[in-house]
Amino acid sequence: MARKRGGFVFLTAGAIFGLASATARAGETIEPTVTTSIERHYTTNAMESDRPIADWYSLLRSTLFRKWGDNDAYISLNAEGRATRHDSVAIEDDTAGGVQVQAFRRFAGGLELRGTLAYNATRDGDHIDIGPFTIGTRTLKQVASGQVQVGLDLGNQMALIVDAMTSLEKVGLTRFEDDIFLPARLDPDKRNVQIALKLIRTVGQFTFGVQGSALRSAVERLGDPLVGVSFNQFGLRGEITYTGVGGATAALALGAELLDGADDTYSRIRPAWQLSVVKPLPKGFELRGTWYGRYEIADSDDPLASWVNRGEFEISYKLRENLKLASGVACEFKRNLLWENVERKRVFYAEATYDASAKASVVLRVDVNRIHKTVIDIDENTVDTFIGLRAKI
């Protein structure tokens, strides 16, 4: 199975290089764009736990984007990096970096082909609590992925999109603060294969679609009890999107998902939905809202997955051409499927963005998070305030 997945990555690479050679003949190059942001934060809970410790930290982000070709055939390169440095709680320092290469080609007859190769690496700083003691940890995680997307114009404002993706996640040894313990494997490796088919049709201001997807995640057996469980996930949903005048949009996706865990750990069909609305208002105001429910497999503390129900609302106001204010709230309900813990989260944020020039802006923001975890009965409360400078070169 691993050999087959590796073959898919090589097939993706071959498609990209083939498209890239065609793009190179086009001869058009777009100048590279570099974006950098520097932020200075103050947080009341640097460790994001029920034992809050206040600290200052700096966050540096940088991205590089370059494109060769035109709208009919191109290859693009996107690289990014991020680093966090705390003044006191150094065990929470993180670093991350990644690179993505994408190639696109539009052929005669309404056929489009896109291939993507990506690699990301993160070195996360975290901690574990043992009684009254807190021990810092650091773990390297690497993810390599390949994706091929085929689009076909069927005529009569209809299109078919086929998407195939594979990824391999390798997690290194976890190292402990001051080498108090020997390095150990705490997180499993994962291999994912996913395929999705989507049929869409546009009728005036409306776009209708139906999508089916299948995901297989093979998780390394590690620990007793297991810290990760393999699973299959299948989804089917219908979609409708309305695009109005002046930038107003509304989209609804409604369907169902089946999650089937290995070793008879879990198997259930649940409804899945997402409702999104964007509405510009007079005098520079704009409203945005999203409400969704689904299985969450990427951001979960559970060995298998979580069920998430989340609503978000934001209002923004353009005070001047170069000054924008925004504020929002969110409520989230997350239930772990195997551990049965329930996490309730409430979020509030306010942000001001000042465009000092065409290529530089200053951001001031405050985030307030309130989290309650039921089974272990703990509360995590955090207030994070920062000022940041963002520049484009």
Protein backbone atom coordinates (compact mmCIF):
# COMPACT_ATOMS: atom_id res chain seq x y z
CA MET A 1 0.00 0.00 0.00
CA ALA A 2 2.79 2.43 0.87
CA ARG A 3 4.43 1.67 -2.50
CA LYS A 4 1.19 2.52 -4.30
CA ARG A 5 0.90 5.81 -2.45
CA GLY A 6 4.52 6.61 -3.25
CA GLY A 7 3.75 5.88 -6.90
CA PHE A 8 0.97 8.46 -6.78
CA VAL A 9 3.41 11.09 -5.51
CA PHE A 10 5.83 10.31 -8.34
CA LEU A 11 2.94 10.45 -10.82
CA THR A 12 2.02 13.87 -9.45
CA ALA A 13 5.63 15.00 -9.77
CA GLY A 14 5.74 13.77 -13.36
CA ALA A 15 2.56 15.67 -14.19
CA ILE A 16 3.97 18.84 -12.63
CA PHE A 17 7.26 18.64 -14.52
CA GLY A 18 5.39 17.94 -17.75
CA LEU A 19 3.16 20.95 -17.22
CA ALA A 20 6.16 23.01 -16.12
CA SER A 21 7.99 22.35 -19.39
CA ALA A 22 4.96 23.55 -21.33
CA THR A 23 4.76 26.60 -19.09
CA ALA A 24 8.43 27.39 -19.55
CA ARG A 25 7.83 27.64 -23.31
CA ALA A 26 5.25 30.34 -22.63
CA GLY A 27 8.13 32.50 -21.45
CA GLU A 28 6.20 34.91 -19.20
CA THR A 29 7.50 35.51 -15.66
CA ILE A 30 5.84 37.37 -12.81
CA GLU A 31 8.23 39.07 -10.40
CA PRO A 32 8.55 37.38 -6.99
CA THR A 33 6.57 38.71 -4.05
CA VAL A 34 7.93 38.58 -0.50
CA THR A 35 5.61 39.23 2.45
CA THR A 36 6.90 39.62 5.99
CA SER A 37 5.11 40.27 9.27
CA ILE A 38 6.52 40.91 12.73
CA GLU A 39 4.20 40.76 15.74
CA ARG A 40 4.74 41.47 19.41
CA HIS A 41 2.25 39.67 21.68
CA TYR A 42 1.29 39.77 25.33
CA THR A 43 -0.69 36.74 26.52
CA THR A 44 -2.19 35.89 29.89
CA ASN A 45 -1.84 32.14 29.22
CA ALA A 46 1.36 31.32 27.33
CA MET A 47 1.00 27.55 27.89
CA GLU A 48 -2.71 27.42 26.96
CA SER A 49 -3.56 25.40 30.06
CA ASP A 50 -5.51 25.64 33.30
CA ARG A 51 -2.32 26.95 34.95
CA PRO A 52 -2.07 30.38 33.30
CA ILE A 53 1.35 32.02 33.01
CA ALA A 54 1.58 35.50 31.48
CA ASP A 55 4.37 36.20 29.01
CA TRP A 56 5.50 38.30 26.07
CA TYR A 57 6.44 36.65 22.78
CA SER A 58 7.42 37.62 19.24
CA LEU A 59 6.04 36.05 16.07
CA LEU A 60 7.79 36.31 12.70
CA ARG A 61 6.18 35.17 9.44
CA SER A 62 7.58 35.35 5.93
CA THR A 63 6.34 34.12 2.53
CA LEU A 64 7.79 34.03 -0.97
CA PHE A 65 5.64 33.66 -4.09
CA ARG A 66 6.74 33.48 -7.71
CA LYS A 67 4.87 32.56 -10.88
CA TRP A 68 5.97 31.70 -14.39
CA GLY A 69 3.51 31.60 -17.30
CA ASP A 70 0.03 32.99 -17.94
CA ASN A 71 -3.57 32.12 -17.15
CA ASP A 72 -3.57 29.19 -19.59
CA ALA A 73 -0.33 27.56 -18.39
CA TYR A 74 1.76 28.41 -15.36
CA ILE A 75 3.96 27.04 -12.61
CA SER A 76 4.13 28.70 -9.21
CA LEU A 77 6.41 28.45 -6.19
CA ASN A 78 5.25 29.33 -2.71
CA ALA A 79 7.55 29.13 0.33
CA GLU A 80 6.75 30.19 3.89
CA GLY A 81 8.31 30.22 7.32
CA ARG A 82 7.22 31.04 10.87
CA ALA A 83 8.96 31.33 14.23
CA THR A 84 7.69 32.10 17.74
CA ARG A 85 9.97 33.20 20.57
CA HIS A 86 8.78 33.68 24.17
CA ASP A 87 10.55 35.95 26.62
CA SER A 88 10.19 33.53 29.57
CA VAL A 89 8.29 30.34 28.66
CA ALA A 90 10.81 29.13 26.08
CA ILE A 91 9.38 25.59 26.09
CA GLU A 92 6.47 26.93 23.99
CA ASP A 93 8.70 28.25 21.16
CA ASP A 94 7.73 26.96 17.70
CA THR A 95 9.29 26.99 14.22
CA ALA A 96 7.72 25.95 10.92
CA GLY A 97 8.50 26.09 7.22
CA GLY A 98 7.19 24.74 3.96
CA VAL A 99 7.37 24.87 0.18
CA GLN A 100 4.71 24.23 -2.46
CA VAL A 101 5.09 23.83 -6.22
CA GLN A 102 1.99 24.00 -8.39
CA ALA A 103 1.56 23.63 -12.16
CA PHE A 104 -1.57 24.37 -14.22
CA ARG A 105 -2.44 23.81 -17.87
CA ARG A 106 -5.62 24.57 -19.81
CA PHE A 107 -6.11 22.35 -22.86
CA ALA A 108 -8.44 22.58 -25.82
CA GLY A 109 -11.90 21.14 -25.35
CA GLY A 110 -12.44 22.55 -21.86
CA LEU A 111 -9.93 20.32 -20.04
CA GLU A 112 -7.86 21.72 -17.16
CA LEU A 113 -5.14 19.96 -15.20
CA ARG A 114 -3.52 21.10 -11.94
CA GLY A 115 -0.78 19.31 -10.00
CA THR A 116 0.63 20.23 -6.59
CA LEU A 117 3.57 18.98 -4.54
CA ALA A 118 4.10 20.26 -0.98
CA TYR A 119 6.43 19.71 1.95
CA ASN A 120 5.99 21.16 5.45
CA ALA A 121 8.01 20.76 8.63
CA THR A 122 7.13 21.99 12.12
CA ARG A 123 9.04 21.82 15.38
CA ASP A 124 6.46 22.33 18.09
CA GLY A 125 7.21 23.33 21.64
CA ASP A 126 4.72 21.96 24.15
CA HIS A 127 4.55 20.58 27.68
CA ILE A 128 3.20 17.74 29.78
CA ASP A 129 1.99 17.99 33.37
CA ILE A 130 3.10 15.34 35.87
CA GLY A 131 1.46 16.15 39.17
CA PRO A 132 2.62 19.63 40.21
CA PHE A 133 5.49 19.59 37.69
CA THR A 134 5.50 20.87 34.11
CA ILE A 135 8.03 19.43 31.64
CA GLY A 136 8.71 21.01 28.26
CA THR A 137 8.70 18.89 25.10
CA ARG A 138 9.77 19.40 21.50
CA THR A 139 8.73 17.31 18.48
CA LEU A 140 9.54 17.48 14.76
CA LYS A 141 6.70 16.69 12.34
CA GLN A 142 7.12 16.45 8.56
CA VAL A 143 4.34 16.22 5.97
CA ALA A 144 4.82 15.51 2.25
CA SER A 145 1.80 15.59 -0.06
CA GLY A 146 0.84 15.34 -3.71
CA GLN A 147 -2.41 16.34 -5.39
CA VAL A 148 -3.83 16.11 -8.91
CA GLN A 149 -6.98 17.98 -9.93
CA VAL A 150 -8.75 17.55 -13.27
CA GLY A 151 -11.51 19.87 -14.44
CA LEU A 152 -13.72 19.24 -17.48
CA ASP A 153 -16.17 21.68 -19.06
CA LEU A 154 -19.29 19.63 -19.92
CA GLY A 155 -21.08 22.47 -21.65
CA ASN A 156 -24.40 24.07 -20.74
CA GLN A 157 -22.69 25.83 -17.78
CA MET A 158 -21.73 22.48 -16.23
CA ALA A 159 -18.32 21.25 -15.07
CA LEU A 160 -16.88 18.09 -13.51
CA ILE A 161 -13.95 18.27 -11.07
CA VAL A 162 -11.96 15.20 -10.00
CA ASP A 163 -9.51 15.63 -7.10
CA ALA A 164 -7.02 13.01 -5.86
CA MET A 165 -4.61 13.57 -2.96
CA THR A 166 -2.13 11.60 -0.91
CA SER A 167 -0.01 12.65 2.07
CA LEU A 168 2.55 11.11 4.40
CA GLU A 169 3.04 12.46 7.93
CA LYS A 170 6.21 11.48 9.79
CA VAL A 171 6.54 12.39 13.47
CA GLY A 172 9.95 12.25 15.12
CA LEU A 173 10.95 11.46 18.68
CA THR A 174 9.65 13.77 21.39
CA ARG A 175 12.52 15.28 23.36
CA PHE A 176 12.08 16.41 26.94
CA GLU A 177 13.28 19.53 28.71
CA ASP A 178 16.80 19.19 30.17
CA ASP A 179 16.83 15.55 28.93
CA ILE A 180 14.94 14.54 32.07
CA PHE A 181 13.63 11.51 30.11
CA LEU A 182 15.01 9.67 27.10
CA PRO A 183 13.47 10.71 23.74
CA ALA A 184 10.29 8.75 23.04
CA ARG A 185 7.63 8.23 20.37
CA LEU A 186 4.43 9.90 21.54
CA ASP A 187 2.67 10.51 18.20
CA PRO A 188 2.04 8.06 15.33
CA ASP A 189 2.89 8.37 11.64
CA LYS A 190 -0.04 8.70 9.22
CA ARG A 191 -0.72 8.03 5.54
CA ASN A 192 -3.79 9.54 3.87
CA VAL A 193 -5.37 8.92 0.47
CA GLN A 194 -8.42 10.91 -0.63
CA ILE A 195 -10.47 11.21 -3.80
CA ALA A 196 -13.38 13.57 -4.46
CA LEU A 197 -15.72 14.17 -7.40
CA LYS A 198 -17.77 17.33 -7.80
CA LEU A 199 -20.36 18.27 -10.41
CA ILE A 200 -21.37 21.94 -10.64
CA ARG A 201 -23.76 23.97 -12.76
CA THR A 202 -24.25 27.74 -12.94
CA VAL A 203 -27.68 29.24 -13.56
CA GLY A 204 -27.64 33.03 -13.53
CA GLN A 205 -26.55 34.20 -10.09
CA PHE A 206 -26.79 30.69 -8.62
CA THR A 207 -24.28 27.84 -8.65
CA PHE A 208 -25.48 24.33 -7.80
CA GLY A 209 -23.19 21.43 -6.97
CA VAL A 210 -23.04 17.89 -5.66
CA GLN A 211 -19.88 16.34 -4.23
CA GLY A 212 -18.82 12.89 -3.07
CA SER A 213 -15.56 12.08 -1.28
CA ALA A 214 -13.71 9.13 0.23
CA LEU A 215 -10.74 9.28 2.62
CA ARG A 216 -8.56 6.45 3.92
CA SER A 217 -6.25 7.28 6.83
CA ALA A 218 -3.75 4.60 7.91
CA VAL A 219 -2.42 5.44 11.37
CA GLU A 220 0.58 3.70 12.93
CA ARG A 221 -0.34 1.51 15.90
CA LEU A 222 1.40 3.14 18.85
CA GLY A 223 0.80 2.87 22.59
CA ASP A 224 -1.61 0.91 24.75
CA PRO A 225 -4.28 2.18 24.58
CA LEU A 226 -3.64 3.43 21.04
CA VAL A 227 -2.87 7.13 20.66
CA GLY A 228 -4.19 7.05 17.08
CA VAL A 229 -6.79 4.98 15.21
CA SER A 230 -7.01 4.27 11.46
CA PHE A 231 -10.32 5.11 9.78
CA ASN A 232 -12.32 5.49 6.57
CA GLN A 233 -14.45 8.56 5.94
CA PHE A 234 -17.09 8.98 3.25
CA GLY A 235 -19.08 12.11 2.47
CA LEU A 236 -21.89 13.23 0.17
CA ARG A 237 -23.33 16.73 0.03
CA GLY A 238 -25.24 19.17 -2.12
CA GLU A 239 -24.26 22.83 -2.47
CA ILE A 240 -25.90 26.05 -3.58
CA THR A 241 -24.20 29.45 -3.85
CA TYR A 242 -25.80 32.82 -4.59
CA THR A 243 -23.70 35.76 -5.81
CA GLY A 244 -25.48 39.08 -5.64
CA VAL A 245 -24.63 42.58 -6.74
CA GLY A 246 -22.13 44.59 -4.74
CA GLY A 247 -20.22 41.57 -3.39
CA ALA A 248 -23.03 39.90 -1.42
CA THR A 249 -22.79 36.10 -1.33
CA ALA A 250 -24.59 33.26 0.42
CA ALA A 251 -23.63 29.59 0.32
CA LEU A 252 -25.21 26.46 1.79
CA ALA A 253 -23.74 22.95 1.79
CA LEU A 254 -25.80 20.12 3.26
CA GLY A 255 -25.10 16.39 3.36
CA ALA A 256 -23.89 13.50 5.50
CA GLU A 257 -20.59 11.92 6.55
CA LEU A 258 -19.76 8.36 7.57
CA LEU A 259 -16.77 7.84 9.86
CA ASP A 260 -15.70 4.23 10.35
CA GLY A 261 -12.88 3.62 12.84
CA ALA A 262 -10.67 0.52 12.78
CA ASP A 263 -11.13 -2.37 15.23
CA ASP A 264 -14.84 -1.57 15.70
CA THR A 265 -13.98 1.54 17.71
CA TYR A 266 -16.60 3.78 16.09
CA SER A 267 -18.97 3.81 13.11
CA ARG A 268 -21.67 6.40 12.61
CA ILE A 269 -23.32 8.59 9.97
CA ARG A 270 -23.83 12.22 10.96
CA PRO A 271 -25.24 15.22 9.10
CA ALA A 272 -22.71 17.74 7.80
CA TRP A 273 -23.47 21.33 6.87
CA GLN A 274 -21.97 24.75 6.28
CA LEU A 275 -23.75 28.08 5.87
CA SER A 276 -21.75 31.18 4.90
CA VAL A 277 -22.96 34.73 4.29
CA VAL A 278 -21.15 37.92 3.24
CA LYS A 279 -23.17 41.14 3.06
CA PRO A 280 -21.68 44.59 2.34
CA LEU A 281 -23.70 47.38 3.97
CA PRO A 282 -23.87 51.14 3.36
CA LYS A 283 -21.33 53.56 4.82
CA GLY A 284 -18.42 51.07 4.75
CA PHE A 285 -19.89 48.31 6.95
CA GLU A 286 -19.74 44.60 6.11
CA LEU A 287 -21.20 41.52 7.81
CA ARG A 288 -19.75 37.99 7.63
CA GLY A 289 -21.11 34.84 9.19
CA THR A 290 -20.39 31.10 9.10
CA TRP A 291 -22.04 28.12 10.79
CA TYR A 292 -20.87 24.55 10.25
CA GLY A 293 -21.04 21.06 11.68
CA ARG A 294 -18.76 18.18 10.69
CA TYR A 295 -16.28 15.55 11.80
CA GLU A 296 -12.94 17.14 12.72
CA ILE A 297 -9.97 14.85 12.06
CA ALA A 298 -7.11 17.36 11.77
CA ASP A 299 -7.50 19.42 14.95
CA SER A 300 -8.57 16.94 17.62
CA ASP A 301 -7.19 15.68 20.94
CA ASP A 302 -9.05 12.39 20.42
CA PRO A 303 -7.30 9.25 19.07
CA LEU A 304 -9.92 9.12 16.28
CA ALA A 305 -11.68 12.44 15.69
CA SER A 306 -14.11 14.97 17.14
CA TRP A 307 -17.54 16.22 16.21
CA VAL A 308 -17.55 20.03 15.85
CA ASN A 309 -20.42 22.51 15.73
CA ARG A 310 -19.16 26.09 15.34
CA GLY A 311 -20.68 29.48 14.55
CA GLU A 312 -18.79 32.68 13.73
CA PHE A 313 -19.94 36.27 13.16
CA GLU A 314 -17.92 39.35 12.19
CA ILE A 315 -18.71 42.98 11.50
CA SER A 316 -16.18 45.31 9.91
CA TYR A 317 -16.17 49.04 9.25
CA LYS A 318 -13.97 50.98 6.83
CA LEU A 319 -13.48 54.19 8.77
CA ARG A 320 -11.20 55.64 6.11
CA GLU A 321 -9.66 54.35 2.90
CA ASN A 322 -6.59 53.24 4.85
CA LEU A 323 -8.17 52.35 8.22
CA LYS A 324 -10.38 49.32 8.85
CA LEU A 325 -11.95 48.15 12.11
CA ALA A 326 -13.32 44.65 12.71
CA SER A 327 -14.82 42.70 15.58
CA GLY A 328 -16.20 39.20 15.86
CA VAL A 329 -17.46 36.43 18.11
CA ALA A 330 -17.47 32.64 17.82
CA CYS A 331 -18.98 29.76 19.76
CA GLU A 332 -17.78 26.18 19.35
CA PHE A 333 -18.95 22.83 20.67
CA LYS A 334 -16.49 19.94 20.21
CA ARG A 335 -17.10 16.37 21.38
CA ASN A 336 -14.30 13.78 21.34
CA LEU A 337 -15.64 10.56 19.83
CA LEU A 338 -13.65 8.02 21.90
CA TRP A 339 -12.62 9.96 25.00
CA GLU A 340 -16.12 11.50 25.25
CA ASN A 341 -14.75 14.79 26.55
CA VAL A 342 -16.77 17.85 25.54
CA GLU A 343 -15.05 21.16 24.89
CA ARG A 344 -17.00 24.41 24.83
CA LYS A 345 -15.22 27.46 23.48
CA ARG A 346 -16.21 31.13 23.29
CA VAL A 347 -14.13 33.63 21.32
CA PHE A 348 -14.16 37.41 21.01
CA TYR A 349 -11.74 39.53 18.99
CA ALA A 350 -11.30 43.12 17.87
CA GLU A 351 -8.84 44.35 15.27
CA ALA A 352 -7.70 47.61 13.69
CA THR A 353 -5.67 47.66 10.45
CA TYR A 354 -3.94 50.81 9.23
CA ASP A 355 -2.43 50.83 5.74
CA ALA A 356 0.61 53.05 6.17
CA SER A 357 1.46 52.68 2.46
CA ALA A 358 0.65 50.48 -0.51
CA LYS A 359 3.08 47.84 0.79
CA ALA A 360 3.02 48.21 4.57
CA SER A 361 0.32 48.02 7.24
CA VAL A 362 0.09 48.12 11.03
CA VAL A 363 -2.29 45.78 12.90
CA LEU A 364 -3.53 46.04 16.49
CA ARG A 365 -5.61 43.11 17.77
CA VAL A 366 -6.97 41.55 20.95
CA ASP A 367 -8.27 37.95 21.26
CA VAL A 368 -10.23 36.59 24.22
CA ASN A 369 -10.72 32.81 24.50
CA ARG A 370 -12.77 30.93 27.09
CA ILE A 371 -12.57 27.11 27.00
CA HIS A 372 -14.25 24.61 29.33
CA LYS A 373 -13.47 20.86 29.14
CA THR A 374 -16.12 18.79 30.85
CA VAL A 375 -14.73 15.31 31.62
CA ILE A 376 -11.46 16.58 33.06
CA ASP A 377 -13.30 19.66 34.39
CA ILE A 378 -10.76 22.38 33.60
CA ASP A 379 -11.03 25.93 32.29
CA GLU A 380 -8.53 27.58 29.96
CA ASN A 381 -8.89 31.35 29.71
CA THR A 382 -6.60 33.43 27.52
CA VAL A 383 -6.32 37.08 26.52
CA ASP A 384 -3.82 37.74 23.73
CA THR A 385 -2.99 41.28 22.56
CA PHE A 386 -0.54 42.17 19.83
CA ILE A 387 0.71 44.89 17.54
CA GLY A 388 2.16 43.83 14.22
CA LEU A 389 3.84 45.23 11.13
CA ARG A 390 3.16 43.62 7.75
CA ALA A 391 5.18 44.49 4.66
CA LYS A 392 5.13 43.35 1.03
CA ILE A 393 8.29 43.59 -1.07
